[in-house]
């Protein structure tokens, strides 16, 4: 068998059956805004994570999460986004909050 056919085929299979599903699952999980406690103000904030960057980072095996929108902005637009780990762990969606 020709290795120049087998190796690219294995790479394509890895992308299709491993990286793509992981990236799409993370992309889908960040579809709604999450409620988190702001580390700087201590108050509740609704944050939206950049879904594309998060999905791409998960597919590549790294964290590329970035907050795309926050209910405390524009007043705190220049914040350091210290709530990113909280947004990754948050399970309560804003749409379902009581």
C-alpha atoms as a PDB file:
ATOM      1  CA  UNK A   1       0.000   0.000   0.000  1.00  0.00           C
ATOM      2  CA  UNK A   2       1.138   3.476  -0.808  1.00  0.00           C
ATOM      3  CA  UNK A   3       1.827   5.506   2.389  1.00  0.00           C
ATOM      4  CA  UNK A   4       1.048   8.763   0.549  1.00  0.00           C
ATOM      5  CA  UNK A   5      -2.551   7.599   0.279  1.00  0.00           C
ATOM      6  CA  UNK A   6      -2.902   6.000   3.717  1.00  0.00           C
ATOM      7  CA  UNK A   7      -1.520   8.892   5.803  1.00  0.00           C
ATOM      8  CA  UNK A   8      -3.766  11.647   4.371  1.00  0.00           C
ATOM      9  CA  UNK A   9      -6.727   9.291   4.620  1.00  0.00           C
ATOM     10  CA  UNK A  10      -6.018   8.707   8.324  1.00  0.00           C
ATOM     11  CA  UNK A  11      -5.720  12.462   8.872  1.00  0.00           C
ATOM     12  CA  UNK A  12      -9.076  13.083   7.204  1.00  0.00           C
ATOM     13  CA  UNK A  13     -10.709  10.321   9.254  1.00  0.00           C
ATOM     14  CA  UNK A  14      -9.281  11.809  12.464  1.00  0.00           C
ATOM     15  CA  UNK A  15     -10.714  15.215  11.590  1.00  0.00           C
ATOM     16  CA  UNK A  16     -14.118  13.869  10.583  1.00  0.00           C
ATOM     17  CA  UNK A  17     -14.643  11.384  13.421  1.00  0.00           C
ATOM     18  CA  UNK A  18     -12.780  13.036  16.330  1.00  0.00           C
ATOM     19  CA  UNK A  19     -12.082  16.735  15.932  1.00  0.00           C
ATOM     20  CA  UNK A  20     -15.292  17.742  14.155  1.00  0.00           C
ATOM     21  CA  UNK A  21     -17.715  16.150  16.675  1.00  0.00           C
ATOM     22  CA  UNK A  22     -15.785  17.595  19.627  1.00  0.00           C
ATOM     23  CA  UNK A  23     -15.750  21.060  18.115  1.00  0.00           C
ATOM     24  CA  UNK A  24     -19.435  20.927  17.206  1.00  0.00           C
ATOM     25  CA  UNK A  25     -20.429  19.713  20.683  1.00  0.00           C
ATOM     26  CA  UNK A  26     -18.618  22.611  22.336  1.00  0.00           C
ATOM     27  CA  UNK A  27     -20.023  25.044  19.763  1.00  0.00           C
ATOM     28  CA  UNK A  28     -23.552  23.860  20.563  1.00  0.00           C
ATOM     29  CA  UNK A  29     -23.029  23.982  24.334  1.00  0.00           C
ATOM     30  CA  UNK A  30     -22.286  27.717  24.231  1.00  0.00           C
ATOM     31  CA  UNK A  31     -25.438  28.571  22.291  1.00  0.00           C
ATOM     32  CA  UNK A  32     -27.098  30.435  25.155  1.00  0.00           C
ATOM     33  CA  UNK A  33     -25.901  33.053  27.584  1.00  0.00           C
ATOM     34  CA  UNK A  34     -24.776  31.742  30.972  1.00  0.00           C
ATOM     35  CA  UNK A  35     -25.278  33.256  34.411  1.00  0.00           C
ATOM     36  CA  UNK A  36     -22.021  33.689  36.316  1.00  0.00           C
ATOM     37  CA  UNK A  37     -20.821  35.693  39.279  1.00  0.00           C
ATOM     38  CA  UNK A  38     -18.492  38.463  38.143  1.00  0.00           C
ATOM     39  CA  UNK A  39     -15.117  38.058  39.918  1.00  0.00           C
ATOM     40  CA  UNK A  40     -14.529  41.819  39.838  1.00  0.00           C
ATOM     41  CA  UNK A  41     -17.911  43.175  41.000  1.00  0.00           C
ATOM     42  CA  UNK A  42     -19.311  40.128  42.803  1.00  0.00           C
ATOM     43  CA  UNK A  43     -22.678  40.571  41.055  1.00  0.00           C
ATOM     44  CA  UNK A  44     -24.546  38.307  38.676  1.00  0.00           C
ATOM     45  CA  UNK A  45     -23.733  38.714  35.003  1.00  0.00           C
ATOM     46  CA  UNK A  46     -25.090  37.092  31.867  1.00  0.00           C
ATOM     47  CA  UNK A  47     -22.184  36.259  29.573  1.00  0.00           C
ATOM     48  CA  UNK A  48     -22.061  34.926  26.031  1.00  0.00           C
ATOM     49  CA  UNK A  49     -18.976  32.997  24.974  1.00  0.00           C
ATOM     50  CA  UNK A  50     -17.587  33.254  21.442  1.00  0.00           C
ATOM     51  CA  UNK A  51     -18.892  29.891  20.218  1.00  0.00           C
ATOM     52  CA  UNK A  52     -16.692  29.676  17.145  1.00  0.00           C
ATOM     53  CA  UNK A  53     -13.433  30.208  19.062  1.00  0.00           C
ATOM     54  CA  UNK A  54     -14.499  27.796  21.815  1.00  0.00           C
ATOM     55  CA  UNK A  55     -15.382  25.057  19.313  1.00  0.00           C
ATOM     56  CA  UNK A  56     -12.187  25.559  17.339  1.00  0.00           C
ATOM     57  CA  UNK A  57     -10.113  25.475  20.520  1.00  0.00           C
ATOM     58  CA  UNK A  58     -11.771  22.266  21.692  1.00  0.00           C
ATOM     59  CA  UNK A  59     -11.163  20.629  18.315  1.00  0.00           C
ATOM     60  CA  UNK A  60      -7.495  21.631  18.477  1.00  0.00           C
ATOM     61  CA  UNK A  61      -7.153  20.530  22.102  1.00  0.00           C
ATOM     62  CA  UNK A  62      -6.636  23.977  23.620  1.00  0.00           C
ATOM     63  CA  UNK A  63      -8.743  26.664  25.291  1.00  0.00           C
ATOM     64  CA  UNK A  64      -9.571  29.610  23.103  1.00  0.00           C
ATOM     65  CA  UNK A  65     -12.632  30.829  25.000  1.00  0.00           C
ATOM     66  CA  UNK A  66     -13.360  34.518  24.980  1.00  0.00           C
ATOM     67  CA  UNK A  67     -16.359  36.405  26.321  1.00  0.00           C
ATOM     68  CA  UNK A  68     -18.278  37.878  23.385  1.00  0.00           C
ATOM     69  CA  UNK A  69     -20.908  39.776  25.377  1.00  0.00           C
ATOM     70  CA  UNK A  70     -21.610  40.547  29.023  1.00  0.00           C
ATOM     71  CA  UNK A  71     -24.591  42.166  30.718  1.00  0.00           C
ATOM     72  CA  UNK A  72     -22.187  44.399  32.692  1.00  0.00           C
ATOM     73  CA  UNK A  73     -20.779  45.919  29.513  1.00  0.00           C
ATOM     74  CA  UNK A  74     -20.335  48.660  28.200  1.00  0.00           C
ATOM     75  CA  UNK A  75     -19.465  50.065  31.623  1.00  0.00           C
ATOM     76  CA  UNK A  76     -16.853  47.335  32.198  1.00  0.00           C
ATOM     77  CA  UNK A  77     -15.840  46.718  28.572  1.00  0.00           C
ATOM     78  CA  UNK A  78     -12.109  46.748  29.340  1.00  0.00           C
ATOM     79  CA  UNK A  79     -12.266  44.050  32.016  1.00  0.00           C
ATOM     80  CA  UNK A  80      -9.750  41.209  32.015  1.00  0.00           C
ATOM     81  CA  UNK A  81     -12.420  38.541  31.368  1.00  0.00           C
ATOM     82  CA  UNK A  82     -11.560  36.697  34.560  1.00  0.00           C
ATOM     83  CA  UNK A  83     -15.010  35.074  34.375  1.00  0.00           C
ATOM     84  CA  UNK A  84     -14.036  32.843  31.419  1.00  0.00           C
ATOM     85  CA  UNK A  85     -13.431  29.754  33.585  1.00  0.00           C
ATOM     86  CA  UNK A  86     -16.746  30.410  35.345  1.00  0.00           C
ATOM     87  CA  UNK A  87     -18.561  30.614  32.010  1.00  0.00           C
ATOM     88  CA  UNK A  88     -17.008  27.308  30.933  1.00  0.00           C
ATOM     89  CA  UNK A  89     -18.307  25.626  34.101  1.00  0.00           C
ATOM     90  CA  UNK A  90     -21.704  27.360  34.235  1.00  0.00           C
ATOM     91  CA  UNK A  91     -24.709  25.134  33.765  1.00  0.00           C
ATOM     92  CA  UNK A  92     -27.503  27.670  34.277  1.00  0.00           C
ATOM     93  CA  UNK A  93     -28.685  29.274  31.054  1.00  0.00           C
ATOM     94  CA  UNK A  94     -30.115  32.780  31.148  1.00  0.00           C
ATOM     95  CA  UNK A  95     -33.252  31.631  29.321  1.00  0.00           C
ATOM     96  CA  UNK A  96     -34.019  29.084  32.042  1.00  0.00           C
ATOM     97  CA  UNK A  97     -33.157  31.258  35.057  1.00  0.00           C
ATOM     98  CA  UNK A  98     -35.982  31.744  37.515  1.00  0.00           C
END
